[in-house]
Amino acid sequence: MSTGDGRIAAPSRRICSAHERGRPTGSVMAPMSAGVLLYRRRGAEVDVLLVHPGGPFWRNKDAGSWQIPKGLIEPGEDASAAARREVEEELGIRLTGEFHRLGQLRQAGGKLVEAFALEQQVDIDAVESNLFEMEWPPRSGKMQSFPEIDEARWFSLSSALPNILTSQRPLLDWFADYLRIDDDSSSPLEQ
């Protein structure tokens, strides 16, 4: 549901379980997620949007904890459709434009991530994440809700490198390659 200003209304506040968030549930197959590396151009500069995961595990962690907005691909769902849906839920905004496929990587925990790039300006002050629910504190029997992401931030490509999850760093290289092909220019990571 749109609010008329490009933001998505109430459905973006959906609460999902830890299972829906891609936690392994004993199956042999690795969970499959899809996400989008959003970017913007500021003259000759290019910035990428990374998000900081919400919840108690990520609290007080900064460098190496930022990532692209992403989420699980539902059975039978196309990866690009899942990426669009998940990013819209996590950021509470409507994505416009066509995706460019960056590639697929395996994160440290085993999850496969299909990643796309999309140029779009995002007002980070307007970001409103959906919620997930988990038992907290552990073994307390108490369920608490937390935002899927607790912050979104624009990073230059060079400052994104030490901040993004180590297992997602290849996305920045793939993105730089895409920009070189798209712009026929030198790598923004080398500037």
Protein backbone atom coordinates (compact mmCIF):
# COMPACT_ATOMS: atom_id res chain seq x y z
CA MET A 1 0.00 0.00 0.00
CA SER A 2 1.50 3.35 -1.06
CA THR A 3 1.31 6.55 0.97
CA GLY A 4 1.40 8.74 -2.15
CA ASP A 5 4.91 10.02 -1.46
CA GLY A 6 6.70 6.88 -2.65
CA ARG A 7 6.71 5.20 0.76
CA ILE A 8 4.92 1.99 1.60
CA ALA A 9 2.39 2.14 4.41
CA ALA A 10 1.51 -0.36 7.14
CA PRO A 11 2.55 -3.62 5.39
CA SER A 12 6.19 -2.57 5.82
CA ARG A 13 5.76 -3.06 9.59
CA ARG A 14 5.02 -6.78 9.17
CA ILE A 15 6.43 -8.93 11.96
CA CYS A 16 8.15 -12.10 10.80
CA SER A 17 9.58 -14.97 12.78
CA ALA A 18 13.24 -15.94 12.99
CA HIS A 19 12.37 -18.80 10.60
CA GLU A 20 11.13 -16.31 7.99
CA ARG A 21 14.36 -14.34 8.39
CA GLY A 22 16.33 -17.26 6.92
CA ARG A 23 17.57 -19.05 10.00
CA PRO A 24 18.50 -22.64 9.18
CA THR A 25 15.71 -25.01 10.19
CA GLY A 26 17.51 -28.33 9.84
CA SER A 27 17.14 -28.68 6.08
CA VAL A 28 20.17 -29.61 3.99
CA MET A 29 19.67 -26.86 1.41
CA ALA A 30 21.15 -23.46 2.21
CA PRO A 31 18.59 -20.67 2.55
CA MET A 32 18.35 -18.54 -0.60
CA SER A 33 17.97 -14.77 -0.32
CA ALA A 34 17.84 -11.89 -2.76
CA GLY A 35 18.78 -8.28 -2.21
CA VAL A 36 19.62 -4.98 -3.83
CA LEU A 37 22.68 -2.79 -3.68
CA LEU A 38 21.06 0.61 -4.06
CA TYR A 39 23.27 3.40 -5.33
CA ARG A 40 23.21 7.07 -6.15
CA ARG A 41 25.48 9.35 -8.17
CA ARG A 42 26.67 12.68 -6.84
CA GLY A 43 28.56 14.20 -9.74
CA ALA A 44 31.57 11.94 -10.27
CA GLU A 45 31.02 10.19 -6.91
CA VAL A 46 28.95 7.07 -6.35
CA ASP A 47 27.46 6.10 -2.99
CA VAL A 48 25.92 2.77 -1.98
CA LEU A 49 23.16 2.24 0.57
CA LEU A 50 23.91 -0.30 3.27
CA VAL A 51 21.75 -1.28 6.21
CA HIS A 52 22.61 -2.24 9.77
CA PRO A 53 20.67 -5.26 11.03
CA GLY A 54 18.41 -4.77 14.02
CA GLY A 55 18.14 -6.92 17.09
CA PRO A 56 20.33 -7.65 20.06
CA PHE A 57 23.02 -9.66 18.22
CA TRP A 58 24.02 -6.66 16.06
CA ARG A 59 23.71 -4.01 18.77
CA ASN A 60 27.01 -2.15 19.34
CA LYS A 61 28.57 -3.68 16.19
CA ASP A 62 29.53 -1.36 13.36
CA ALA A 63 32.52 -2.06 11.08
CA GLY A 64 31.95 -5.28 9.18
CA SER A 65 28.27 -5.54 10.12
CA TRP A 66 26.58 -3.47 7.38
CA GLN A 67 24.94 -5.24 4.45
CA ILE A 68 22.64 -4.88 1.49
CA PRO A 69 18.92 -5.05 2.26
CA LYS A 70 17.81 -8.58 1.43
CA GLY A 71 15.52 -11.41 2.42
CA LEU A 72 14.32 -14.93 1.70
CA ILE A 73 13.10 -15.99 -1.72
CA GLU A 74 9.71 -17.66 -1.33
CA PRO A 75 9.14 -21.05 -3.05
CA GLY A 76 8.42 -20.44 -6.74
CA GLU A 77 9.31 -16.74 -6.49
CA ASP A 78 11.66 -15.06 -8.97
CA ALA A 79 14.87 -13.73 -7.35
CA SER A 80 14.37 -10.19 -8.66
CA ALA A 81 10.75 -10.12 -7.44
CA ALA A 82 11.89 -11.36 -4.02
CA ALA A 83 14.65 -8.73 -3.89
CA ARG A 84 12.17 -5.97 -4.70
CA ARG A 85 9.64 -7.22 -2.13
CA GLU A 86 12.20 -7.69 0.64
CA VAL A 87 13.90 -4.33 0.13
CA GLU A 88 10.55 -2.53 0.03
CA GLU A 89 9.57 -4.26 3.31
CA GLU A 90 12.89 -3.56 5.01
CA LEU A 91 13.14 0.09 3.94
CA GLY A 92 9.46 0.98 3.69
CA ILE A 93 9.95 2.58 0.26
CA ARG A 94 8.86 1.77 -3.29
CA LEU A 95 11.67 0.74 -5.65
CA THR A 96 11.50 2.04 -9.21
CA GLY A 97 13.55 1.09 -12.25
CA GLU A 98 15.17 -2.02 -13.61
CA PHE A 99 17.64 -4.14 -11.69
CA HIS A 100 21.10 -5.09 -12.93
CA ARG A 101 22.13 -8.57 -11.76
CA LEU A 102 25.46 -8.47 -9.90
CA GLY A 103 25.78 -12.17 -9.07
CA GLN A 104 25.31 -14.79 -6.39
CA LEU A 105 27.49 -15.30 -3.33
CA ARG A 106 27.56 -17.50 -0.27
CA GLN A 107 27.65 -15.69 3.06
CA ALA A 108 29.75 -16.96 5.96
CA GLY A 109 26.70 -18.68 7.55
CA GLY A 110 26.01 -20.60 4.33
CA LYS A 111 23.11 -18.51 3.01
CA LEU A 112 23.16 -17.93 -0.76
CA VAL A 113 22.42 -14.34 -1.80
CA GLU A 114 21.37 -13.31 -5.30
CA ALA A 115 22.28 -9.61 -5.60
CA PHE A 116 21.11 -6.86 -7.92
CA ALA A 117 22.06 -3.19 -8.33
CA LEU A 118 19.59 -0.33 -8.72
CA GLU A 119 20.21 3.39 -9.01
CA GLN A 120 17.71 5.19 -6.80
CA GLN A 121 17.80 8.10 -4.41
CA VAL A 122 16.59 7.09 -0.94
CA ASP A 123 15.87 9.47 1.92
CA ILE A 124 17.40 7.54 4.80
CA ASP A 125 15.42 9.60 7.31
CA ALA A 126 12.20 8.19 5.79
CA VAL A 127 13.28 4.54 6.12
CA GLU A 128 10.85 2.53 8.26
CA SER A 129 11.74 -1.12 8.66
CA ASN A 130 9.45 -4.07 9.26
CA LEU A 131 9.78 -5.99 12.52
CA PHE A 132 10.79 -9.52 13.47
CA GLU A 133 10.07 -11.37 16.66
CA MET A 134 12.44 -13.53 18.70
CA GLU A 135 12.87 -14.89 22.20
CA TRP A 136 14.86 -12.34 24.18
CA PRO A 137 16.69 -12.71 26.46
CA PRO A 138 17.62 -16.25 25.39
CA ARG A 139 15.78 -19.05 27.22
CA SER A 140 13.56 -16.48 28.97
CA GLY A 141 10.35 -17.53 27.26
CA LYS A 142 9.71 -13.84 26.46
CA MET A 143 9.15 -12.81 22.85
CA GLN A 144 10.26 -9.33 21.77
CA SER A 145 9.96 -7.44 18.50
CA PHE A 146 12.94 -5.75 16.84
CA PRO A 147 13.32 -3.81 13.57
CA GLU A 148 14.72 -5.89 10.73
CA ILE A 149 17.15 -3.02 10.17
CA ASP A 150 17.92 -0.31 12.67
CA GLU A 151 19.73 2.10 10.34
CA ALA A 152 20.31 2.77 6.66
CA ARG A 153 23.31 4.81 5.59
CA TRP A 154 24.92 6.03 2.37
CA PHE A 155 28.60 5.09 2.02
CA SER A 156 31.14 6.05 -0.63
CA LEU A 157 32.45 2.90 -2.30
CA SER A 158 35.79 3.21 -0.50
CA SER A 159 34.17 3.67 2.93
CA ALA A 160 31.70 0.82 2.26
CA LEU A 161 34.54 -1.71 1.95
CA PRO A 162 35.54 -1.90 5.65
CA ASN A 163 31.91 -1.59 6.80
CA ILE A 164 30.16 -4.25 4.72
CA LEU A 165 30.00 -7.88 5.89
CA THR A 166 33.20 -9.59 4.78
CA SER A 167 31.20 -12.22 2.89
CA GLN A 168 29.39 -9.46 0.94
CA ARG A 169 32.55 -7.57 -0.11
CA PRO A 170 32.59 -9.23 -3.55
CA LEU A 171 29.36 -7.32 -4.29
CA LEU A 172 31.34 -4.06 -4.22
CA ASP A 173 33.85 -5.44 -6.73
CA TRP A 174 31.06 -6.70 -8.98
CA PHE A 175 29.34 -3.34 -8.67
CA ALA A 176 32.57 -1.50 -9.56
CA ASP A 177 32.89 -3.74 -12.64
CA TYR A 178 29.30 -2.90 -13.59
CA LEU A 179 30.04 0.83 -13.26
CA ARG A 180 33.17 0.50 -15.42
CA ILE A 181 31.17 -1.24 -18.12
CA ASP A 182 28.24 1.18 -17.74
CA ASP A 183 30.37 4.34 -17.64
CA ASP A 184 33.52 3.13 -19.40
CA SER A 185 35.50 4.82 -16.61
CA SER A 186 38.06 3.88 -13.95
CA SER A 187 37.04 1.86 -10.88
CA PRO A 188 35.36 3.96 -8.18
CA LEU A 189 37.02 1.65 -5.63
CA GLU A 190 40.47 2.79 -6.84
CA GLN A 191 39.74 6.51 -6.61
